[in-house]
Every structure is written in structure tokens, then in C-alpha cells.
Protein backbone atom coordinates (compact mmCIF):
# COMPACT_ATOMS: atom_id res chain seq x y z
CA MET A 1 74.67 110.42 113.31
CA SER A 2 76.35 109.62 110.05
CA THR A 3 77.45 112.31 107.64
CA GLU A 4 75.39 110.67 104.91
CA ALA A 5 72.19 111.22 106.90
CA THR A 6 72.80 114.96 107.28
CA THR A 7 74.35 115.73 103.88
CA PRO A 8 71.93 116.14 101.00
CA ALA A 9 72.53 113.89 98.01
CA ARG A 10 74.65 115.48 95.29
CA ARG A 11 73.54 115.69 91.72
CA ALA A 12 75.26 113.24 89.38
CA ASP A 13 77.17 116.02 87.62
CA ALA A 14 78.32 117.41 90.97
CA GLU A 15 79.59 113.96 91.96
CA ARG A 16 81.43 113.63 88.65
CA ASN A 17 83.04 117.05 89.14
CA ARG A 18 84.13 116.16 92.68
CA ALA A 19 85.58 112.83 91.51
CA LYS A 20 87.37 114.58 88.64
CA ILE A 21 88.85 117.18 91.02
CA ILE A 22 90.11 114.45 93.36
CA ALA A 23 91.59 112.38 90.51
CA VAL A 24 93.34 115.38 88.99
CA ALA A 25 94.60 116.58 92.37
CA ARG A 26 95.98 113.11 93.18
CA GLU A 27 97.98 113.16 89.96
CA ALA A 28 99.10 116.76 90.41
CA PHE A 29 100.28 116.28 93.98
CA ALA A 30 102.05 113.03 93.03
CA GLU A 31 104.37 114.84 90.64
CA PRO A 32 107.90 115.28 92.05
CA GLY A 33 108.19 118.52 94.01
CA ALA A 34 104.56 119.34 93.28
CA ALA A 35 102.67 122.07 95.06
CA PRO A 36 99.92 122.86 92.55
CA SER A 37 97.71 125.87 93.19
CA MET A 38 93.96 125.60 93.48
CA ALA A 39 93.70 127.44 90.15
CA GLU A 40 95.94 124.80 88.53
CA ILE A 41 93.80 121.98 89.96
CA ALA A 42 90.63 123.64 88.63
CA ARG A 43 92.21 124.18 85.20
CA ARG A 44 93.38 120.56 84.93
CA ALA A 45 90.02 119.24 86.11
CA GLY A 46 88.17 121.44 83.64
CA VAL A 47 86.00 123.03 86.33
CA GLY A 48 85.53 126.61 87.44
CA MET A 49 86.99 127.99 90.62
CA ALA A 50 83.49 128.22 92.15
CA THR A 51 83.02 124.48 91.59
CA LEU A 52 86.38 123.72 93.14
CA TYR A 53 85.73 125.89 96.20
CA ARG A 54 82.18 124.54 96.57
CA ASN A 55 83.72 121.10 96.99
CA PHE A 56 86.85 122.14 98.87
CA PRO A 57 86.68 125.52 100.64
CA GLY A 58 90.47 125.68 100.76
CA ARG A 59 93.69 123.90 99.91
CA LEU A 60 93.84 122.27 103.35
CA GLU A 61 90.46 120.58 102.83
CA LEU A 62 91.54 119.28 99.43
CA VAL A 63 94.82 117.89 100.78
CA GLU A 64 92.96 116.30 103.72
CA GLU A 65 90.61 114.56 101.27
CA LEU A 66 93.53 113.31 99.17
CA PHE A 67 95.28 112.01 102.29
CA ARG A 68 92.07 110.32 103.47
CA HIS A 69 91.69 108.59 100.08
CA THR A 70 95.28 107.35 100.23
CA VAL A 71 94.77 105.92 103.73
CA ASP A 72 91.51 104.34 102.52
CA ASP A 73 93.51 102.60 99.76
CA ILE A 74 95.99 101.23 102.29
CA CYS A 75 93.28 100.02 104.66
CA GLU A 76 91.23 98.47 101.87
CA ALA A 77 94.30 96.61 100.57
CA ALA A 78 94.65 94.87 103.94
CA GLY A 79 91.29 93.20 103.38
CA HIS A 80 92.11 91.62 100.05
CA VAL A 81 95.87 91.22 99.83
CA SER A 82 96.94 87.75 98.78
CA GLY A 83 99.77 85.40 99.58
CA ASP A 84 100.41 81.69 99.84
CA THR A 85 101.07 82.02 103.58
CA PRO A 86 100.00 84.53 106.24
CA GLY A 87 103.53 85.94 106.25
CA GLU A 88 103.58 86.38 102.49
CA ALA A 89 100.22 88.18 102.61
CA PHE A 90 101.49 90.46 105.38
CA PHE A 91 104.73 91.26 103.53
CA ASN A 92 102.77 91.94 100.34
CA TRP A 93 100.60 94.40 102.26
CA LEU A 94 103.67 96.09 103.78
CA THR A 95 105.17 96.47 100.32
CA ARG A 96 101.95 98.07 99.14
CA PHE A 97 101.87 100.28 102.26
CA HIS A 98 105.39 101.43 101.46
CA ALA A 99 104.56 102.16 97.82
CA THR A 100 101.39 104.02 98.76
CA GLY A 101 103.29 105.84 101.48
CA ALA A 102 105.36 107.49 98.79
CA ARG A 103 102.14 109.30 97.79
CA LYS A 104 101.02 109.83 101.37
CA GLY A 105 104.24 111.32 102.75
CA PRO A 106 104.24 114.57 100.76
CA LEU A 107 100.54 115.03 101.55
CA ALA A 108 101.24 114.62 105.27
CA SER A 109 103.99 117.22 105.03
CA LEU A 110 101.60 119.62 103.29
CA LEU A 111 98.95 119.01 105.92
CA LEU A 112 101.37 119.83 108.70
CA ALA A 113 102.62 122.93 106.90
CA GLU A 114 99.14 124.21 106.08
CA SER A 115 97.52 123.50 109.43
CA ALA A 116 97.70 126.36 111.89
CA ASN A 117 96.21 124.34 114.76
CA GLY A 118 98.76 121.57 115.31
CA THR A 119 98.47 118.06 113.93
CA PRO A 120 95.32 117.70 111.81
CA THR A 121 92.81 115.09 112.97
CA VAL A 122 93.11 113.23 109.66
CA LEU A 123 96.79 112.54 110.41
CA ARG A 124 96.12 111.31 113.94
CA ASP A 125 93.25 109.12 112.80
CA SER A 126 95.14 107.61 109.87
CA ARG A 127 97.69 105.84 112.04
CA SER A 128 95.09 104.11 114.19
CA ARG A 129 92.99 103.22 111.12
CA THR A 130 95.99 101.72 109.35
CA ILE A 131 97.07 99.72 112.38
CA ALA A 132 93.52 98.40 112.87
CA ALA A 133 93.34 97.36 109.20
CA GLY A 134 96.75 95.64 109.19
CA GLU A 135 96.59 94.05 112.65
CA PRO A 136 94.82 90.82 111.52
CA LEU A 137 97.48 90.25 108.83
CA PHE A 138 100.25 91.02 111.30
CA ARG A 139 98.89 88.71 114.02
CA ALA A 140 98.33 85.88 111.53
CA ALA A 141 101.91 86.23 110.27
CA GLN A 142 103.23 86.22 113.83
CA HIS A 143 101.05 83.25 114.75
CA SER A 144 102.38 81.30 111.75
CA GLY A 145 105.95 82.00 112.91
CA GLU A 146 106.80 84.07 109.81
CA VAL A 147 107.14 87.37 111.67
CA ARG A 148 109.02 88.06 114.87
CA ASP A 149 106.92 88.40 118.00
CA ASP A 150 109.05 91.09 119.66
CA VAL A 151 107.82 94.00 117.51
CA SER A 152 104.51 95.80 117.19
CA LEU A 153 102.75 96.68 113.97
CA GLY A 154 103.05 100.35 114.92
CA GLN A 155 106.84 100.00 115.08
CA VAL A 156 106.92 98.27 111.69
CA LEU A 157 104.77 100.94 110.04
CA ASP A 158 106.79 103.75 111.64
CA GLY A 159 109.94 102.15 110.23
CA LEU A 160 108.43 102.02 106.75
CA VAL A 161 107.34 105.65 106.99
CA ALA A 162 110.88 106.61 107.99
CA LEU A 163 112.28 104.58 105.07
CA ALA A 164 110.06 106.48 102.65
CA GLY A 165 112.18 109.56 103.32
CA VAL A 166 115.45 107.81 102.48
CA ASP A 167 116.63 107.74 98.89
CA ASN A 168 117.59 104.31 97.62
CA HIS A 169 120.77 104.02 95.62
CA PRO A 170 119.77 103.85 91.94
CA ASP A 171 121.76 100.65 91.47
CA PHE A 172 119.79 98.95 94.27
CA PRO A 173 116.11 99.97 93.99
CA GLY A 174 114.02 98.63 96.83
CA ALA A 175 117.03 97.32 98.76
CA LEU A 176 116.20 99.16 101.98
CA ILE A 177 112.65 97.87 102.14
CA ARG A 178 113.84 94.30 101.50
CA ILE A 179 116.41 94.64 104.29
CA MET A 180 113.76 95.90 106.71
CA LEU A 181 111.27 93.20 105.79
CA ASP A 182 113.95 90.52 106.09
CA GLY A 183 114.67 91.87 109.58
CA LEU A 184 111.08 91.12 110.58
CA ARG A 185 111.53 87.40 109.96
CA PRO A 186 112.46 85.34 113.00
CA PRO A 187 115.98 83.89 113.06
CA ALA A 188 116.23 80.43 111.51
């Protein structure tokens, strides 16, 4: 049974408040070194604490929702990324995955830190969702000969996640991602 069938419809103002909370929280958590409190999120969103907690009973639920939205963005991008060739489309998606991963990484760290029961389901599910979304692009790029056939999409995404934790030298922004993506191309 879908969640939509069991959850009563929200009033329009309640939906606006929820959307405002999510938008404000996304911005707040994206700030360098950010760990905003629930009170700070409510203040920035212009809602009361009761409204915030009605939507998100705790910080963990809010961070899970933010993480889920970020993964949704990555998966959705796989369906409409463009490129002149299958390889170009795949590399464009990987670049977007990497850029979005900069937002996702701190959220994943918060989820792990705030979860008392091991790895949260949202983290486990996100990897399989992302691989499923990117697999058609990856296979098409491999089939066209633009991506090596001796790697898996999971390995590629794991490499990009690892790269997100490495600081680039300020004189060479984006150099590490370009090196990794170049390494995915088959030898000439």
C-alpha cells in the first residue's frame, strides 16, 4: 500500500510550511561546517517549533528527508541529462552527481552520527536507487565504447564519493574529478 493512500491530504498552508522548512534546512545544512539546531531551522523558515516538529519529529527525520531529496535530484537528473553522445551524457551526469554529492556527504555523516541503530535505511536505499537510475546511461556509454567495460557503476560512484572528501588544490579546481573521469575512458 502506498504512503499516499494512508496519509491524509495536507492543507495547502501545511504543504507550504513543509516546503519552506525543507528549503530553509537545505540551505542551512549546505553552509560550511553547518549543524543548525531545530530552533534555528524554525526561525529561518518563519514557523513555530510545533509546526516544525509536526512535520519532522526530530532532527534525524529532517536530515533523512533532506538526504532523500538530494538523492531524488541525482536520480531525476539521470533521466534528462543531455550530451551529444552516450558517453558525454554519462560524464555530464557523473559531474552532476559529484556536485550534488558535496551536499549529500555532510548529510550522510549527520545521519550516521545521529542514528543509534546502525546505518539508516535511507542511506542503504540511496545507493541502489542511484545505481538503478544511472545504469542505463552507464551501459549506453559502455556500449558506445566511450567508457571502459572493466568497471561497474557502483565502483565509479564509490570513487566519486571518496573524491568528495578530498580537497582540491585551489589553483586546480575540479582537477581530481577530471582525472578520474578521464580514467574511465578506454585506452586509445
